[in-house]
Amino acid sequence: VQLQASGGGLVQAEGSLRLSCAASGIVFRAYDMGWYRRAPGTQRELVARIGVSGGTYYADSVKGRFAISRDNAKNTVYLQMSSLKPEDTAAYYCNAEKSGPTAVYWGQGAQVTVSS
């Protein structure tokens, strides 16, 4: 199983970035997909999640600025980030989860750095 994240980088405040996570080795459409982040010295936090039926969840800190989407034909989940703030600076991790039986997979981090 591989979750390959891409699209991170350095951007100025109020700028935009789009993260992508391409999955292989899983039945993608059967998994809830999520993006987590971890800034230095902090705990990992859930940023956004999209379920198998397309329902979404966002952390309060990113509501109205970030949008998660998925393309089951491409086995890819996206995180469109707009109006970025310096406090969004973190390593962003792609996550795939399902139940019955339970399976959880993580991708490598994609660094996002927002300068003020």
N, C-alpha and C. Protein backbone atom coordinates (compact mmCIF):
# COMPACT_ATOMS: atom_id res chain seq x y z
N VAL A 1 0.85 -1.19 0.00
CA VAL A 1 0.00 0.00 0.00
C VAL A 1 0.88 1.24 0.00
N GLN A 2 0.53 2.18 -0.85
CA GLN A 2 1.26 3.45 -0.89
C GLN A 2 0.27 4.61 -0.96
N LEU A 3 0.54 5.63 -0.16
CA LEU A 3 -0.17 6.90 -0.25
C LEU A 3 0.89 7.94 -0.53
N GLN A 4 0.90 8.45 -1.74
CA GLN A 4 1.95 9.36 -2.19
C GLN A 4 1.42 10.78 -2.22
N ALA A 5 1.87 11.58 -1.26
CA ALA A 5 1.44 12.97 -1.18
C ALA A 5 2.35 13.88 -1.99
N SER A 6 1.77 14.90 -2.57
CA SER A 6 2.55 15.87 -3.33
C SER A 6 1.84 17.23 -3.29
N GLY A 7 2.57 18.27 -3.70
CA GLY A 7 1.97 19.59 -3.79
C GLY A 7 2.33 20.56 -2.70
N GLY A 8 3.12 20.12 -1.73
CA GLY A 8 3.52 21.04 -0.68
C GLY A 8 4.51 22.06 -1.20
N GLY A 9 4.85 23.02 -0.35
CA GLY A 9 5.82 24.02 -0.75
C GLY A 9 5.77 25.25 0.13
N LEU A 10 6.41 26.28 -0.36
CA LEU A 10 6.48 27.56 0.34
C LEU A 10 5.55 28.55 -0.35
N VAL A 11 4.72 29.22 0.44
CA VAL A 11 3.78 30.17 -0.13
C VAL A 11 3.63 31.34 0.83
N GLN A 12 3.32 32.50 0.29
CA GLN A 12 3.09 33.67 1.14
C GLN A 12 1.69 33.62 1.75
N ALA A 13 1.54 34.30 2.86
CA ALA A 13 0.24 34.39 3.51
C ALA A 13 -0.80 34.89 2.51
N GLU A 14 -1.99 34.35 2.63
CA GLU A 14 -3.13 34.61 1.74
C GLU A 14 -3.02 33.89 0.41
N GLY A 15 -1.95 33.13 0.22
CA GLY A 15 -1.80 32.36 -1.00
C GLY A 15 -2.55 31.04 -0.94
N SER A 16 -2.37 30.25 -2.01
CA SER A 16 -3.07 28.97 -2.13
C SER A 16 -2.10 27.86 -2.52
N LEU A 17 -2.46 26.65 -2.11
CA LEU A 17 -1.74 25.45 -2.52
C LEU A 17 -2.76 24.32 -2.63
N ARG A 18 -2.46 23.34 -3.47
CA ARG A 18 -3.29 22.14 -3.53
C ARG A 18 -2.42 20.92 -3.29
N LEU A 19 -2.79 20.17 -2.27
CA LEU A 19 -2.13 18.91 -1.99
C LEU A 19 -2.88 17.78 -2.68
N SER A 20 -2.13 16.81 -3.16
CA SER A 20 -2.71 15.61 -3.75
C SER A 20 -2.15 14.39 -3.03
N CYS A 21 -2.95 13.34 -2.98
CA CYS A 21 -2.49 12.08 -2.39
C CYS A 21 -3.00 10.96 -3.28
N ALA A 22 -2.08 10.32 -3.97
CA ALA A 22 -2.42 9.21 -4.86
C ALA A 22 -2.23 7.89 -4.12
N ALA A 23 -3.27 7.09 -4.10
CA ALA A 23 -3.25 5.81 -3.39
C ALA A 23 -3.08 4.65 -4.35
N SER A 24 -2.36 3.65 -3.90
CA SER A 24 -2.23 2.41 -4.65
C SER A 24 -2.22 1.25 -3.68
N GLY A 25 -2.68 0.11 -4.13
CA GLY A 25 -2.68 -1.08 -3.29
C GLY A 25 -3.90 -1.23 -2.41
N ILE A 26 -4.86 -0.31 -2.52
CA ILE A 26 -6.11 -0.41 -1.76
C ILE A 26 -7.29 -0.20 -2.71
N VAL A 27 -8.46 -0.64 -2.26
CA VAL A 27 -9.69 -0.34 -3.00
C VAL A 27 -10.11 1.05 -2.55
N PHE A 28 -9.64 2.04 -3.25
CA PHE A 28 -9.72 3.44 -2.81
C PHE A 28 -11.14 3.85 -2.44
N ARG A 29 -12.11 3.45 -3.23
CA ARG A 29 -13.49 3.91 -3.03
C ARG A 29 -14.08 3.38 -1.72
N ALA A 30 -13.43 2.40 -1.12
CA ALA A 30 -13.93 1.80 0.13
C ALA A 30 -13.38 2.50 1.37
N TYR A 31 -12.50 3.48 1.17
CA TYR A 31 -11.82 4.12 2.29
C TYR A 31 -12.27 5.56 2.50
N ASP A 32 -12.46 5.91 3.78
CA ASP A 32 -12.53 7.32 4.15
C ASP A 32 -11.12 7.89 4.03
N MET A 33 -11.02 9.09 3.48
CA MET A 33 -9.70 9.69 3.27
C MET A 33 -9.61 10.97 4.07
N GLY A 34 -8.43 11.20 4.64
CA GLY A 34 -8.26 12.38 5.46
C GLY A 34 -6.91 13.02 5.29
N TRP A 35 -6.85 14.27 5.70
CA TRP A 35 -5.58 15.00 5.79
C TRP A 35 -5.38 15.43 7.24
N TYR A 36 -4.22 15.11 7.76
CA TYR A 36 -3.81 15.53 9.09
C TYR A 36 -2.60 16.44 8.93
N ARG A 37 -2.30 17.17 9.99
CA ARG A 37 -1.08 17.97 9.97
C ARG A 37 -0.43 17.97 11.34
N ARG A 38 0.86 18.20 11.33
CA ARG A 38 1.61 18.32 12.58
C ARG A 38 2.64 19.42 12.41
N ALA A 39 2.51 20.43 13.25
CA ALA A 39 3.50 21.50 13.30
C ALA A 39 4.54 21.17 14.36
N PRO A 40 5.74 21.69 14.25
CA PRO A 40 6.77 21.39 15.25
C PRO A 40 6.28 21.70 16.66
N GLY A 41 6.48 20.76 17.57
CA GLY A 41 6.11 20.97 18.95
C GLY A 41 4.64 20.81 19.26
N THR A 42 3.87 20.36 18.27
CA THR A 42 2.43 20.18 18.50
C THR A 42 2.04 18.74 18.19
N GLN A 43 0.81 18.41 18.58
CA GLN A 43 0.30 17.08 18.25
C GLN A 43 -0.33 17.08 16.87
N ARG A 44 -0.39 15.91 16.29
CA ARG A 44 -1.05 15.77 14.99
C ARG A 44 -2.53 16.10 15.13
N GLU A 45 -3.06 16.82 14.17
CA GLU A 45 -4.47 17.17 14.21
C GLU A 45 -5.13 16.84 12.88
N LEU A 46 -6.40 16.46 12.96
CA LEU A 46 -7.18 16.21 11.76
C LEU A 46 -7.58 17.54 11.14
N VAL A 47 -7.28 17.69 9.87
CA VAL A 47 -7.60 18.92 9.15
C VAL A 47 -8.92 18.76 8.40
N ALA A 48 -9.05 17.69 7.64
CA ALA A 48 -10.26 17.48 6.84
C ALA A 48 -10.38 15.99 6.53
N ARG A 49 -11.63 15.58 6.32
CA ARG A 49 -11.88 14.17 6.01
C ARG A 49 -13.02 14.12 5.01
N ILE A 50 -12.95 13.12 4.12
CA ILE A 50 -14.04 12.89 3.18
C ILE A 50 -14.38 11.41 3.20
N GLY A 51 -15.65 11.12 3.37
CA GLY A 51 -16.11 9.75 3.47
C GLY A 51 -16.32 9.11 2.11
N VAL A 52 -16.64 7.83 2.14
CA VAL A 52 -16.83 7.09 0.89
C VAL A 52 -18.02 7.63 0.09
N SER A 53 -18.97 8.24 0.78
CA SER A 53 -20.13 8.80 0.09
C SER A 53 -19.96 10.27 -0.24
N GLY A 54 -18.80 10.84 0.13
CA GLY A 54 -18.54 12.23 -0.20
C GLY A 54 -18.79 13.21 0.91
N GLY A 55 -19.30 12.74 2.05
CA GLY A 55 -19.50 13.64 3.18
C GLY A 55 -18.17 14.15 3.70
N THR A 56 -18.14 15.41 4.13
CA THR A 56 -16.89 16.02 4.55
C THR A 56 -16.94 16.53 5.98
N TYR A 57 -15.77 16.63 6.55
CA TYR A 57 -15.57 17.22 7.88
C TYR A 57 -14.35 18.12 7.79
N TYR A 58 -14.45 19.28 8.48
CA TYR A 58 -13.31 20.20 8.54
C TYR A 58 -13.07 20.63 9.98
N ALA A 59 -11.81 20.77 10.31
CA ALA A 59 -11.48 21.39 11.58
C ALA A 59 -11.93 22.85 11.55
N ASP A 60 -12.33 23.36 12.70
CA ASP A 60 -12.82 24.74 12.75
C ASP A 60 -11.78 25.73 12.21
N SER A 61 -10.52 25.44 12.42
CA SER A 61 -9.45 26.37 12.03
C SER A 61 -9.31 26.52 10.52
N VAL A 62 -9.89 25.59 9.75
CA VAL A 62 -9.73 25.66 8.28
C VAL A 62 -11.05 25.80 7.54
N LYS A 63 -12.16 25.80 8.27
CA LYS A 63 -13.46 25.92 7.61
C LYS A 63 -13.54 27.20 6.80
N GLY A 64 -14.03 27.06 5.59
CA GLY A 64 -14.17 28.21 4.70
C GLY A 64 -12.91 28.53 3.92
N ARG A 65 -11.80 27.89 4.27
CA ARG A 65 -10.53 28.16 3.57
C ARG A 65 -10.00 26.93 2.83
N PHE A 66 -10.27 25.75 3.38
CA PHE A 66 -9.77 24.51 2.79
C PHE A 66 -10.95 23.71 2.23
N ALA A 67 -10.67 22.94 1.19
CA ALA A 67 -11.69 22.07 0.60
C ALA A 67 -11.07 20.73 0.25
N ILE A 68 -11.68 19.67 0.75
CA ILE A 68 -11.20 18.32 0.46
C ILE A 68 -12.11 17.71 -0.62
N SER A 69 -11.50 16.96 -1.52
CA SER A 69 -12.28 16.29 -2.56
C SER A 69 -11.58 14.99 -2.92
N ARG A 70 -12.29 14.13 -3.62
CA ARG A 70 -11.70 12.86 -4.02
C ARG A 70 -12.12 12.53 -5.44
N ASP A 71 -11.25 11.83 -6.14
CA ASP A 71 -11.53 11.33 -7.48
C ASP A 71 -11.29 9.82 -7.44
N ASN A 72 -12.36 9.07 -7.32
CA ASN A 72 -12.23 7.62 -7.20
C ASN A 72 -11.67 6.98 -8.47
N ALA A 73 -11.87 7.62 -9.60
CA ALA A 73 -11.33 7.09 -10.85
C ALA A 73 -9.81 7.20 -10.89
N LYS A 74 -9.27 8.19 -10.17
CA LYS A 74 -7.83 8.40 -10.15
C LYS A 74 -7.20 7.95 -8.84
N ASN A 75 -8.02 7.39 -7.94
CA ASN A 75 -7.51 6.95 -6.63
C ASN A 75 -6.75 8.07 -5.92
N THR A 76 -7.30 9.26 -5.97
CA THR A 76 -6.60 10.43 -5.45
C THR A 76 -7.54 11.29 -4.61
N VAL A 77 -6.99 11.80 -3.52
CA VAL A 77 -7.69 12.77 -2.68
C VAL A 77 -6.91 14.07 -2.73
N TYR A 78 -7.66 15.17 -2.69
CA TYR A 78 -7.05 16.49 -2.81
C TYR A 78 -7.39 17.34 -1.59
N LEU A 79 -6.52 18.30 -1.30
CA LEU A 79 -6.82 19.31 -0.31
C LEU A 79 -6.47 20.65 -0.92
N GLN A 80 -7.48 21.41 -1.28
CA GLN A 80 -7.29 22.75 -1.80
C GLN A 80 -7.23 23.72 -0.62
N MET A 81 -6.13 24.40 -0.49
CA MET A 81 -5.92 25.30 0.65
C MET A 81 -5.83 26.74 0.13
N SER A 82 -6.68 27.59 0.64
CA SER A 82 -6.71 28.99 0.23
C SER A 82 -6.61 29.88 1.46
N SER A 83 -6.33 31.15 1.21
CA SER A 83 -6.19 32.13 2.31
C SER A 83 -5.28 31.58 3.40
N LEU A 84 -4.16 31.04 2.98
CA LEU A 84 -3.25 30.38 3.93
C LEU A 84 -2.69 31.38 4.93
N LYS A 85 -2.49 30.90 6.14
CA LYS A 85 -1.95 31.69 7.23
C LYS A 85 -0.65 31.06 7.72
N PRO A 86 0.21 31.85 8.34
CA PRO A 86 1.45 31.27 8.87
C PRO A 86 1.19 30.10 9.82
N GLU A 87 0.09 30.14 10.55
CA GLU A 87 -0.21 29.05 11.48
C GLU A 87 -0.64 27.76 10.77
N ASP A 88 -0.80 27.79 9.45
CA ASP A 88 -1.06 26.58 8.69
C ASP A 88 0.23 25.83 8.37
N THR A 89 1.36 26.43 8.68
CA THR A 89 2.65 25.79 8.44
C THR A 89 2.74 24.48 9.21
N ALA A 90 3.00 23.39 8.50
CA ALA A 90 3.04 22.07 9.12
C ALA A 90 3.41 21.03 8.06
N ALA A 91 3.69 19.83 8.52
CA ALA A 91 3.77 18.67 7.63
C ALA A 91 2.36 18.10 7.53
N TYR A 92 1.89 17.92 6.31
CA TYR A 92 0.54 17.42 6.06
C TYR A 92 0.62 15.96 5.63
N TYR A 93 -0.21 15.14 6.27
CA TYR A 93 -0.19 13.70 6.05
C TYR A 93 -1.52 13.21 5.51
N CYS A 94 -1.46 12.38 4.50
CA CYS A 94 -2.64 11.75 3.94
C CYS A 94 -2.94 10.47 4.72
N ASN A 95 -4.22 10.19 4.91
CA ASN A 95 -4.64 9.04 5.71
C ASN A 95 -5.78 8.33 5.02
N ALA A 96 -5.78 7.00 5.08
CA ALA A 96 -6.87 6.19 4.54
C ALA A 96 -7.34 5.25 5.64
N GLU A 97 -8.66 5.21 5.86
CA GLU A 97 -9.19 4.36 6.92
C GLU A 97 -10.47 3.67 6.46
N LYS A 98 -10.65 2.44 6.92
CA LYS A 98 -11.92 1.78 6.72
C LYS A 98 -12.18 0.85 7.88
N SER A 99 -13.41 0.42 8.01
CA SER A 99 -13.77 -0.55 9.03
C SER A 99 -14.30 -1.80 8.36
N GLY A 100 -14.42 -2.88 9.17
CA GLY A 100 -15.02 -4.11 8.69
C GLY A 100 -14.29 -4.82 7.60
N PRO A 101 -13.05 -5.32 7.76
CA PRO A 101 -12.13 -5.16 8.89
C PRO A 101 -11.44 -3.79 8.86
N THR A 102 -10.94 -3.42 10.03
CA THR A 102 -10.28 -2.13 10.16
C THR A 102 -8.95 -2.12 9.44
N ALA A 103 -8.70 -1.04 8.72
CA ALA A 103 -7.41 -0.83 8.05
C ALA A 103 -7.11 0.66 8.09
N VAL A 104 -5.88 0.99 8.42
CA VAL A 104 -5.44 2.38 8.48
C VAL A 104 -4.09 2.49 7.81
N TYR A 105 -3.97 3.43 6.90
CA TYR A 105 -2.71 3.66 6.21
C TYR A 105 -2.36 5.14 6.21
N TRP A 106 -1.07 5.40 6.23
CA TRP A 106 -0.57 6.78 6.24
C TRP A 106 0.40 6.99 5.10
N GLY A 107 0.38 8.18 4.55
CA GLY A 107 1.36 8.58 3.57
C GLY A 107 2.50 9.33 4.23
N GLN A 108 3.50 9.65 3.44
CA GLN A 108 4.59 10.46 3.96
C GLN A 108 4.12 11.91 4.03
N GLY A 109 4.76 12.71 4.79
CA GLY A 109 4.34 14.10 4.96
C GLY A 109 4.69 14.97 3.76
N ALA A 110 3.85 15.96 3.54
CA ALA A 110 4.13 17.01 2.55
C ALA A 110 4.25 18.31 3.31
N GLN A 111 5.41 18.93 3.24
CA GLN A 111 5.64 20.15 4.03
C GLN A 111 4.97 21.36 3.37
N VAL A 112 4.22 22.08 4.18
CA VAL A 112 3.61 23.34 3.76
C VAL A 112 4.16 24.43 4.66
N THR A 113 4.76 25.44 4.07
CA THR A 113 5.32 26.56 4.83
C THR A 113 4.70 27.85 4.32
N VAL A 114 4.07 28.59 5.23
CA VAL A 114 3.41 29.84 4.88
C VAL A 114 4.18 30.99 5.51
N SER A 115 4.69 31.87 4.70
CA SER A 115 5.46 33.00 5.21
C SER A 115 4.55 34.22 5.39
N SER A 116 4.88 35.02 6.38
CA SER A 116 4.07 36.21 6.67
C SER A 116 4.55 37.42 5.89
